[in-house]
PDB file of N, CA and C in Angstrom:
ATOM      1  N   MET A   1     108.031 119.093  96.628  1.00  0.00           N
ATOM      2  CA  MET A   1     106.825 119.049  95.858  1.00  0.00           C
ATOM      3  C   MET A   1     105.922 117.973  96.465  1.00  0.00           C
ATOM      4  N   ARG A   2     104.629 118.228  96.472  1.00  0.00           N
ATOM      5  CA  ARG A   2     103.651 117.248  96.942  1.00  0.00           C
ATOM      6  C   ARG A   2     103.092 116.496  95.739  1.00  0.00           C
ATOM      7  N   LEU A   3     103.174 115.164  95.783  1.00  0.00           N
ATOM      8  CA  LEU A   3     102.750 114.337  94.659  1.00  0.00           C
ATOM      9  C   LEU A   3     101.674 113.351  95.085  1.00  0.00           C
ATOM     10  N   LEU A   4     100.656 113.179  94.251  1.00  0.00           N
ATOM     11  CA  LEU A   4      99.658 112.131  94.415  1.00  0.00           C
ATOM     12  C   LEU A   4      99.905 111.116  93.313  1.00  0.00           C
ATOM     13  N   ILE A   5     100.154 109.878  93.705  1.00  0.00           N
ATOM     14  CA  ILE A   5     100.406 108.821  92.732  1.00  0.00           C
ATOM     15  C   ILE A   5      99.300 107.784  92.867  1.00  0.00           C
ATOM     16  N   ILE A   6      98.637 107.516  91.748  1.00  0.00           N
ATOM     17  CA  ILE A   6      97.584 106.509  91.711  1.00  0.00           C
ATOM     18  C   ILE A   6      98.252 105.149  91.556  1.00  0.00           C
ATOM     19  N   GLY A   7      97.969 104.238  92.459  1.00  0.00           N
ATOM     20  CA  GLY A   7      98.628 102.933  92.468  1.00  0.00           C
ATOM     21  C   GLY A   7      99.900 103.055  93.294  1.00  0.00           C
ATOM     22  N   GLY A   8     101.033 102.890  92.663  1.00  0.00           N
ATOM     23  CA  GLY A   8     102.315 103.141  93.309  1.00  0.00           C
ATOM     24  C   GLY A   8     102.963 101.950  93.982  1.00  0.00           C
ATOM     25  N   THR A   9     102.387 100.764  93.871  1.00  0.00           N
ATOM     26  CA  THR A   9     102.984  99.618  94.557  1.00  0.00           C
ATOM     27  C   THR A   9     103.395  98.493  93.614  1.00  0.00           C
ATOM     28  N   ARG A  10     103.249  98.702  92.333  1.00  0.00           N
ATOM     29  CA  ARG A  10     103.662  97.675  91.381  1.00  0.00           C
ATOM     30  C   ARG A  10     104.723  98.253  90.456  1.00  0.00           C
ATOM     31  N   PHE A  11     104.921  97.676  89.319  1.00  0.00           N
ATOM     32  CA  PHE A  11     106.070  97.915  88.447  1.00  0.00           C
ATOM     33  C   PHE A  11     106.430  99.385  88.234  1.00  0.00           C
ATOM     34  N   LEU A  12     105.715 100.100  87.413  1.00  0.00           N
ATOM     35  CA  LEU A  12     106.081 101.477  87.082  1.00  0.00           C
ATOM     36  C   LEU A  12     105.827 102.432  88.251  1.00  0.00           C
ATOM     37  N   GLY A  13     104.679 102.298  88.887  1.00  0.00           N
ATOM     38  CA  GLY A  13     104.344 103.172  90.011  1.00  0.00           C
ATOM     39  C   GLY A  13     105.340 103.059  91.147  1.00  0.00           C
ATOM     40  N   ARG A  14     105.778 101.849  91.406  1.00  0.00           N
ATOM     41  CA  ARG A  14     106.757 101.618  92.472  1.00  0.00           C
ATOM     42  C   ARG A  14     108.055 102.371  92.194  1.00  0.00           C
ATOM     43  N   ALA A  15     108.518 102.322  90.954  1.00  0.00           N
ATOM     44  CA  ALA A  15     109.743 103.041  90.577  1.00  0.00           C
ATOM     45  C   ALA A  15     109.554 104.550  90.718  1.00  0.00           C
ATOM     46  N   LEU A  16     108.378 105.051  90.346  1.00  0.00           N
ATOM     47  CA  LEU A  16     108.097 106.485  90.490  1.00  0.00           C
ATOM     48  C   LEU A  16     108.130 106.915  91.952  1.00  0.00           C
ATOM     49  N   VAL A  17     107.507 106.110  92.815  1.00  0.00           N
ATOM     50  CA  VAL A  17     107.479 106.440  94.242  1.00  0.00           C
ATOM     51  C   VAL A  17     108.887 106.417  94.822  1.00  0.00           C
ATOM     52  N   GLU A  18     109.656 105.391  94.509  1.00  0.00           N
ATOM     53  CA  GLU A  18     111.031 105.296  95.010  1.00  0.00           C
ATOM     54  C   GLU A  18     111.839 106.523  94.616  1.00  0.00           C
ATOM     55  N   ASP A  19     111.732 106.931  93.360  1.00  0.00           N
ATOM     56  CA  ASP A  19     112.482 108.085  92.873  1.00  0.00           C
ATOM     57  C   ASP A  19     112.011 109.377  93.542  1.00  0.00           C
ATOM     58  N   ALA A  20     110.702 109.539  93.660  1.00  0.00           N
ATOM     59  CA  ALA A  20     110.160 110.756  94.273  1.00  0.00           C
ATOM     60  C   ALA A  20     110.595 110.881  95.728  1.00  0.00           C
ATOM     61  N   LEU A  21     110.533 109.788  96.472  1.00  0.00           N
ATOM     62  CA  LEU A  21     110.947 109.831  97.874  1.00  0.00           C
ATOM     63  C   LEU A  21     112.447 110.102  97.999  1.00  0.00           C
ATOM     64  N   ALA A  22     113.238 109.495  97.122  1.00  0.00           N
ATOM     65  CA  ALA A  22     114.687 109.713  97.148  1.00  0.00           C
ATOM     66  C   ALA A  22     115.042 111.169  96.875  1.00  0.00           C
ATOM     67  N   ARG A  23     114.200 111.859  96.113  1.00  0.00           N
ATOM     68  CA  ARG A  23     114.433 113.270  95.796  1.00  0.00           C
ATOM     69  C   ARG A  23     113.837 114.206  96.841  1.00  0.00           C
ATOM     70  N   GLY A  24     113.223 113.622  97.880  1.00  0.00           N
ATOM     71  CA  GLY A  24     112.709 114.436  98.975  1.00  0.00           C
ATOM     72  C   GLY A  24     111.293 114.948  98.802  1.00  0.00           C
ATOM     73  N   HIS A  25     110.547 114.407  97.851  1.00  0.00           N
ATOM     74  CA  HIS A  25     109.172 114.852  97.634  1.00  0.00           C
ATOM     75  C   HIS A  25     108.233 114.239  98.671  1.00  0.00           C
ATOM     76  N   GLU A  26     107.137 114.913  98.939  1.00  0.00           N
ATOM     77  CA  GLU A  26     106.092 114.419  99.829  1.00  0.00           C
ATOM     78  C   GLU A  26     105.106 113.627  98.962  1.00  0.00           C
ATOM     79  N   VAL A  27     104.998 112.326  99.228  1.00  0.00           N
ATOM     80  CA  VAL A  27     104.228 111.436  98.359  1.00  0.00           C
ATOM     81  C   VAL A  27     102.983 110.918  99.071  1.00  0.00           C
ATOM     82  N   THR A  28     101.862 110.972  98.362  1.00  0.00           N
ATOM     83  CA  THR A  28     100.617 110.347  98.804  1.00  0.00           C
ATOM     84  C   THR A  28     100.235 109.307  97.765  1.00  0.00           C
ATOM     85  N   LEU A  29      99.941 108.095  98.236  1.00  0.00           N
ATOM     86  CA  LEU A  29      99.519 107.015  97.351  1.00  0.00           C
ATOM     87  C   LEU A  29      98.021 106.809  97.482  1.00  0.00           C
ATOM     88  N   PHE A  30      97.331 106.700  96.355  1.00  0.00           N
ATOM     89  CA  PHE A  30      95.915 106.342  96.345  1.00  0.00           C
ATOM     90  C   PHE A  30      95.797 105.001  95.652  1.00  0.00           C
ATOM     91  N   ASN A  31      95.414 103.975  96.413  1.00  0.00           N
ATOM     92  CA  ASN A  31      95.257 102.644  95.838  1.00  0.00           C
ATOM     93  C   ASN A  31      94.272 101.834  96.675  1.00  0.00           C
ATOM     94  N   ARG A  32      94.063 100.589  96.282  1.00  0.00           N
ATOM     95  CA  ARG A  32      93.116  99.728  96.990  1.00  0.00           C
ATOM     96  C   ARG A  32      93.697  99.125  98.254  1.00  0.00           C
ATOM     97  N   GLY A  33      95.008  99.217  98.448  1.00  0.00           N
ATOM     98  CA  GLY A  33      95.636  98.669  99.643  1.00  0.00           C
ATOM     99  C   GLY A  33      95.757  97.156  99.634  1.00  0.00           C
ATOM    100  N   GLN A  34      95.677  96.548  98.469  1.00  0.00           N
ATOM    101  CA  GLN A  34      95.714  95.090  98.374  1.00  0.00           C
ATOM    102  C   GLN A  34      97.071  94.543  97.956  1.00  0.00           C
ATOM    103  N   THR A  35      97.878  95.331  97.283  1.00  0.00           N
ATOM    104  CA  THR A  35      99.175  94.870  96.790  1.00  0.00           C
ATOM    105  C   THR A  35     100.285  95.605  97.530  1.00  0.00           C
ATOM    106  N   ASN A  36     101.143  94.860  98.189  1.00  0.00           N
ATOM    107  CA  ASN A  36     102.304  95.421  98.894  1.00  0.00           C
ATOM    108  C   ASN A  36     101.948  96.588  99.820  1.00  0.00           C
ATOM    109  N   PRO A  37     100.979  96.421 100.714  1.00  0.00           N
ATOM    110  CA  PRO A  37     100.574  97.545 101.567  1.00  0.00           C
ATOM    111  C   PRO A  37     101.664  98.015 102.533  1.00  0.00           C
ATOM    112  N   GLU A  38     102.684  97.174 102.759  1.00  0.00           N
ATOM    113  CA  GLU A  38     103.759  97.543 103.683  1.00  0.00           C
ATOM    114  C   GLU A  38     104.826  98.425 103.033  1.00  0.00           C
ATOM    115  N   LEU A  39     104.774  98.571 101.724  1.00  0.00           N
ATOM    116  CA  LEU A  39     105.759  99.404 101.029  1.00  0.00           C
ATOM    117  C   LEU A  39     105.615 100.872 101.415  1.00  0.00           C
ATOM    118  N   PHE A  40     106.692 101.564 101.438  1.00  0.00           N
ATOM    119  CA  PHE A  40     106.748 103.012 101.593  1.00  0.00           C
ATOM    120  C   PHE A  40     106.045 103.515 102.860  1.00  0.00           C
ATOM    121  N   PRO A  41     106.530 103.109 104.025  1.00  0.00           N
ATOM    122  CA  PRO A  41     105.909 103.588 105.268  1.00  0.00           C
ATOM    123  C   PRO A  41     106.001 105.104 105.426  1.00  0.00           C
ATOM    124  N   GLU A  42     106.935 105.739 104.719  1.00  0.00           N
ATOM    125  CA  GLU A  42     107.098 107.184 104.817  1.00  0.00           C
ATOM    126  C   GLU A  42     106.098 107.962 103.970  1.00  0.00           C
ATOM    127  N   ALA A  43     105.357 107.273 103.115  1.00  0.00           N
ATOM    128  CA  ALA A  43     104.361 107.929 102.258  1.00  0.00           C
ATOM    129  C   ALA A  43     102.988 107.873 102.920  1.00  0.00           C
ATOM    130  N   GLU A  44     102.187 108.910 102.700  1.00  0.00           N
ATOM    131  CA  GLU A  44     100.798 108.883 103.153  1.00  0.00           C
ATOM    132  C   GLU A  44     100.029 107.949 102.227  1.00  0.00           C
ATOM    133  N   LYS A  45      99.091 107.199 102.793  1.00  0.00           N
ATOM    134  CA  LYS A  45      98.332 106.244 101.980  1.00  0.00           C
ATOM    135  C   LYS A  45      96.849 106.503 102.142  1.00  0.00           C
ATOM    136  N   ILE A  46      96.159 106.548 101.019  1.00  0.00           N
ATOM    137  CA  ILE A  46      94.709 106.674 100.995  1.00  0.00           C
ATOM    138  C   ILE A  46      94.193 105.452 100.249  1.00  0.00           C
ATOM    139  N   HIS A  47      93.347 104.673 100.912  1.00  0.00           N
ATOM    140  CA  HIS A  47      92.805 103.476 100.282  1.00  0.00           C
ATOM    141  C   HIS A  47      91.400 103.746  99.784  1.00  0.00           C
ATOM    142  N   GLY A  48      91.148 103.292  98.584  1.00  0.00           N
ATOM    143  CA  GLY A  48      89.840 103.455  97.975  1.00  0.00           C
ATOM    144  C   GLY A  48      89.811 102.738  96.648  1.00  0.00           C
ATOM    145  N   ASP A  49      88.753 102.963  95.919  1.00  0.00           N
ATOM    146  CA  ASP A  49      88.565 102.332  94.625  1.00  0.00           C
ATOM    147  C   ASP A  49      88.025 103.378  93.670  1.00  0.00           C
ATOM    148  N   ARG A  50      88.467 103.357  92.445  1.00  0.00           N
ATOM    149  CA  ARG A  50      88.041 104.387  91.500  1.00  0.00           C
ATOM    150  C   ARG A  50      86.548 104.353  91.224  1.00  0.00           C
ATOM    151  N   ASP A  51      85.886 103.229  91.517  1.00  0.00           N
ATOM    152  CA  ASP A  51      84.442 103.139  91.334  1.00  0.00           C
ATOM    153  C   ASP A  51      83.672 103.526  92.589  1.00  0.00           C
ATOM    154  N   GLY A  52      84.371 103.673  93.707  1.00  0.00           N
ATOM    155  CA  GLY A  52      83.725 104.016  94.968  1.00  0.00           C
ATOM    156  C   GLY A  52      83.762 105.511  95.212  1.00  0.00           C
ATOM    157  N   GLY A  53      83.374 105.887  96.401  1.00  0.00           N
ATOM    158  CA  GLY A  53      83.416 107.300  96.773  1.00  0.00           C
ATOM    159  C   GLY A  53      84.838 107.816  96.814  1.00  0.00           C
ATOM    160  N   LEU A  54      85.027 109.019  96.372  1.00  0.00           N
ATOM    161  CA  LEU A  54      86.362 109.615  96.336  1.00  0.00           C
ATOM    162  C   LEU A  54      86.487 110.753  97.340  1.00  0.00           C
ATOM    163  N   SER A  55      85.671 110.736  98.369  1.00  0.00           N
ATOM    164  CA  SER A  55      85.678 111.827  99.341  1.00  0.00           C
ATOM    165  C   SER A  55      87.022 111.972 100.045  1.00  0.00           C
ATOM    166  N   ALA A  56      87.804 110.893 100.139  1.00  0.00           N
ATOM    167  CA  ALA A  56      89.114 110.974 100.788  1.00  0.00           C
ATOM    168  C   ALA A  56      90.063 111.887 100.025  1.00  0.00           C
ATOM    169  N   LEU A  57      89.794 112.121  98.751  1.00  0.00           N
ATOM    170  CA  LEU A  57      90.665 112.971  97.938  1.00  0.00           C
ATOM    171  C   LEU A  57      90.261 114.437  97.975  1.00  0.00           C
ATOM    172  N   GLU A  58      89.108 114.741  98.569  1.00  0.00           N
ATOM    173  CA  GLU A  58      88.659 116.130  98.640  1.00  0.00           C
ATOM    174  C   GLU A  58      89.461 116.881  99.690  1.00  0.00           C
ATOM    175  N   GLY A  59      89.610 118.163  99.475  1.00  0.00           N
ATOM    176  CA  GLY A  59      90.222 118.954 100.523  1.00  0.00           C
ATOM    177  C   GLY A  59      91.371 119.697 100.076  1.00  0.00           C
TER     178      GLY A  59
END
């Protein structure tokens, strides 16, 4: 399954990402890239801000 997780590098989001990757899901993280950017090298990362342009999520 392909999953988009908003945030994903702190308390609850981090646990969700760990579980999803362990189950073999394809994970994309959308966050600001400011907290723990080195986490989850196997996940695709899209950096942005909810108040900014969201064109990276189109497609």
